[in-house]
N, C-alpha and C. Protein backbone atom coordinates (compact mmCIF):
# COMPACT_ATOMS: atom_id res chain seq x y z
N MET A 1 157.08 104.22 47.06
CA MET A 1 157.65 106.06 47.02
C MET A 1 156.13 106.29 48.61
N VAL A 2 156.04 107.61 48.70
CA VAL A 2 156.39 107.45 50.16
C VAL A 2 155.57 109.06 49.92
N LEU A 3 154.43 108.82 50.97
CA LEU A 3 152.81 109.75 51.72
C LEU A 3 153.64 110.50 52.89
N ILE A 4 153.18 111.76 52.99
CA ILE A 4 153.70 112.08 54.37
C ILE A 4 152.89 112.20 55.41
N ARG A 5 152.89 111.29 56.82
CA ARG A 5 152.09 111.59 56.94
C ARG A 5 151.56 112.70 58.39
N SER A 6 153.31 113.38 57.77
CA SER A 6 152.68 114.44 59.32
C SER A 6 154.15 115.14 59.20
N GLY A 7 154.70 116.23 59.21
CA GLY A 7 155.96 117.88 58.53
C GLY A 7 155.92 117.70 57.71
N SER A 8 157.33 118.35 57.55
CA SER A 8 156.86 118.44 56.06
C SER A 8 158.33 118.06 55.36
N VAL A 9 158.36 118.04 53.97
CA VAL A 9 160.01 117.86 54.01
C VAL A 9 160.76 118.64 52.28
N ASP A 10 161.89 119.50 51.95
CA ASP A 10 162.07 120.67 50.74
C ASP A 10 162.89 119.68 49.91
N VAL A 11 161.99 119.47 48.42
CA VAL A 11 162.45 119.14 47.80
C VAL A 11 163.71 119.75 46.96
N VAL A 12 164.44 119.35 47.16
CA VAL A 12 166.19 119.54 45.66
C VAL A 12 166.05 119.34 45.04
N ARG A 13 166.88 119.11 43.63
CA ARG A 13 168.00 119.47 43.22
C ARG A 13 168.90 119.54 42.84
N GLU A 14 169.51 118.65 42.96
CA GLU A 14 171.00 118.84 43.26
C GLU A 14 171.90 118.65 41.92
N ILE A 15 172.06 119.54 41.47
CA ILE A 15 173.09 119.90 40.09
C ILE A 15 174.80 120.00 40.90
N GLY A 16 175.71 118.78 40.43
CA GLY A 16 177.02 118.87 41.03
C GLY A 16 176.64 119.59 42.21
N ALA A 17 177.73 120.32 42.53
CA ALA A 17 178.24 120.03 44.13
C ALA A 17 176.19 121.18 44.89
N ASP A 18 175.96 122.27 43.92
CA ASP A 18 175.13 122.91 44.34
C ASP A 18 173.10 122.20 44.78
N SER A 19 172.45 122.71 45.76
CA SER A 19 170.95 122.51 46.01
C SER A 19 170.19 122.93 45.42
N ILE A 20 169.57 123.11 44.45
CA ILE A 20 167.97 123.30 44.04
C ILE A 20 166.79 123.50 44.43
N ARG A 21 165.92 124.32 45.44
CA ARG A 21 164.50 123.79 46.48
C ARG A 21 163.70 123.78 45.18
N LEU A 22 163.24 122.62 44.87
CA LEU A 22 161.77 122.83 43.79
C LEU A 22 160.94 123.49 44.33
N GLY A 23 160.35 122.98 45.82
CA GLY A 23 159.51 123.14 46.27
C GLY A 23 159.55 122.62 48.43
N THR A 24 158.19 122.14 48.31
CA THR A 24 158.05 121.59 49.38
C THR A 24 156.90 120.54 49.20
N ALA A 25 156.70 119.67 50.51
CA ALA A 25 155.62 118.90 50.64
C ALA A 25 155.32 118.75 51.40
N SER A 26 154.28 118.14 52.26
CA SER A 26 153.58 118.20 53.94
C SER A 26 152.52 117.68 53.33
N GLU A 27 151.65 116.84 55.05
CA GLU A 27 150.80 115.75 55.67
C GLU A 27 150.86 115.72 54.58
N GLY A 28 149.45 114.71 53.89
CA GLY A 28 149.10 114.43 52.87
C GLY A 28 149.39 114.14 51.29
N GLU A 29 150.85 114.50 51.24
CA GLU A 29 150.96 114.52 50.27
C GLU A 29 152.13 113.44 49.51
N PHE A 30 151.34 113.67 49.17
CA PHE A 30 152.68 111.77 48.20
C PHE A 30 154.08 112.66 46.85
N LEU A 31 155.31 112.05 47.21
CA LEU A 31 156.50 111.99 46.57
C LEU A 31 156.96 110.22 46.42
N GLY A 32 156.78 110.91 44.60
CA GLY A 32 157.80 109.74 44.07
C GLY A 32 156.87 108.85 43.07
N GLU A 33 155.31 109.07 43.39
CA GLU A 33 154.36 108.95 42.44
C GLU A 33 154.51 108.12 41.03
N MET A 34 155.39 109.99 40.42
CA MET A 34 155.90 109.11 38.56
C MET A 34 156.68 108.31 38.52
N GLY A 35 157.40 107.66 39.19
CA GLY A 35 158.22 107.19 39.22
C GLY A 35 157.52 105.81 39.51
N VAL A 36 156.78 105.39 40.24
CA VAL A 36 155.99 104.13 40.82
C VAL A 36 155.18 103.92 38.98
N LEU A 37 155.01 105.52 38.98
CA LEU A 37 153.76 103.81 37.96
C LEU A 37 154.51 104.56 36.37
N GLU A 38 156.27 105.23 35.83
CA GLU A 38 156.20 105.17 34.83
C GLU A 38 158.06 104.73 35.00
N GLY A 39 157.69 104.29 36.71
CA GLY A 39 159.32 103.22 37.04
C GLY A 39 160.75 103.68 36.24
N ARG A 40 160.55 104.96 36.15
CA ARG A 40 162.01 106.10 35.94
C ARG A 40 162.43 105.85 37.00
N PRO A 41 163.72 106.54 36.65
CA PRO A 41 164.44 106.98 38.51
C PRO A 41 163.47 108.01 38.98
N ARG A 42 164.39 108.29 39.64
CA ARG A 42 164.19 109.56 41.19
C ARG A 42 164.37 111.57 40.29
N SER A 43 164.06 112.51 39.70
CA SER A 43 164.41 112.92 39.63
C SER A 43 164.73 114.27 40.21
N ALA A 44 164.16 113.71 41.67
CA ALA A 44 164.40 114.74 42.89
C ALA A 44 165.12 114.47 43.85
N THR A 45 165.45 114.80 45.75
CA THR A 45 165.56 114.12 46.68
C THR A 45 165.18 115.03 47.24
N VAL A 46 163.57 114.56 48.56
CA VAL A 46 163.37 115.23 48.93
C VAL A 46 164.51 114.77 50.68
N ILE A 47 164.55 116.18 51.65
CA ILE A 47 165.34 116.37 53.38
C ILE A 47 163.74 117.49 53.75
N ALA A 48 163.97 116.53 55.09
CA ALA A 48 163.24 116.81 55.91
C ALA A 48 163.42 117.95 56.51
N ALA A 49 162.35 118.69 56.70
CA ALA A 49 162.48 120.03 56.84
C ALA A 49 161.56 120.16 58.35
N SER A 50 161.77 118.99 59.36
CA SER A 50 160.93 119.55 60.35
C SER A 50 160.38 117.88 60.57
N ASP A 51 160.48 116.85 61.72
CA ASP A 51 159.69 115.99 62.48
C ASP A 51 158.67 115.91 61.34
N LEU A 52 159.31 113.99 61.30
CA LEU A 52 158.39 113.89 59.66
C LEU A 52 158.20 112.51 60.17
N GLU A 53 156.64 111.89 59.72
CA GLU A 53 156.12 110.80 59.97
C GLU A 53 155.62 110.21 58.03
N ALA A 54 156.30 109.10 57.56
CA ALA A 54 155.86 108.98 56.75
C ALA A 54 155.01 107.62 56.52
N GLU A 55 155.27 107.19 54.93
CA GLU A 55 154.06 105.77 55.09
C GLU A 55 154.88 105.95 53.66
N LEU A 56 156.11 104.45 53.59
CA LEU A 56 156.58 104.15 52.46
C LEU A 56 155.29 102.87 52.07
N ILE A 57 155.30 103.11 50.08
CA ILE A 57 154.20 102.69 49.75
C ILE A 57 154.96 101.95 47.70
N GLY A 58 154.48 100.99 48.31
CA GLY A 58 154.42 99.96 46.74
C GLY A 58 153.90 100.82 45.52
N ARG A 59 154.61 99.85 44.27
CA ARG A 59 153.32 100.07 43.17
C ARG A 59 152.03 100.22 43.79
N ARG A 60 151.43 98.04 43.61
CA ARG A 60 150.41 97.60 43.84
C ARG A 60 149.95 98.28 45.32
N GLY A 61 150.81 98.77 46.08
CA GLY A 61 150.04 99.49 47.25
C GLY A 61 149.50 100.26 47.03
N PHE A 62 150.38 101.67 45.49
CA PHE A 62 149.86 102.66 45.53
C PHE A 62 148.71 102.91 44.31
N LEU A 63 149.42 101.95 43.50
CA LEU A 63 147.87 101.43 42.16
C LEU A 63 146.20 101.10 43.11
N GLU A 64 146.21 100.40 44.38
CA GLU A 64 145.28 100.10 45.37
C GLU A 64 144.77 101.54 45.85
N ARG A 65 145.48 101.58 46.30
CA ARG A 65 144.82 103.20 47.42
C ARG A 65 144.63 104.63 45.90
N VAL A 66 145.10 104.69 44.90
CA VAL A 66 144.15 105.85 44.27
C VAL A 66 143.11 105.42 43.72
N SER A 67 142.49 103.95 43.96
CA SER A 67 142.22 103.21 42.78
C SER A 67 140.47 103.02 42.99
N GLY A 68 140.88 102.74 45.26
CA GLY A 68 139.64 103.26 45.67
C GLY A 68 139.07 104.53 46.85
N GLU A 69 140.21 105.45 46.72
CA GLU A 69 140.28 106.49 47.13
C GLU A 69 141.11 107.96 46.14
N PRO A 70 140.42 107.68 44.52
CA PRO A 70 140.81 108.53 43.94
C PRO A 70 141.38 110.42 44.40
N GLN A 71 140.38 110.78 45.62
CA GLN A 71 140.77 112.37 46.06
C GLN A 71 141.66 112.93 46.88
């Protein structure tokens, strides 16, 4: 999963040749947490909407982080 440190991304769903914008994610938001928790494949794609700094977090690291920092 990914934690957006700075910048923003567009979250899109690709259906055939079309892309449907589902929303945006920005600083402080997690992406992919449901896939990490449930072990399922991703359901959307993200595309950088600006310069971006992100942190990749594995399942164990994510679970430790949310246990220690629930907010």
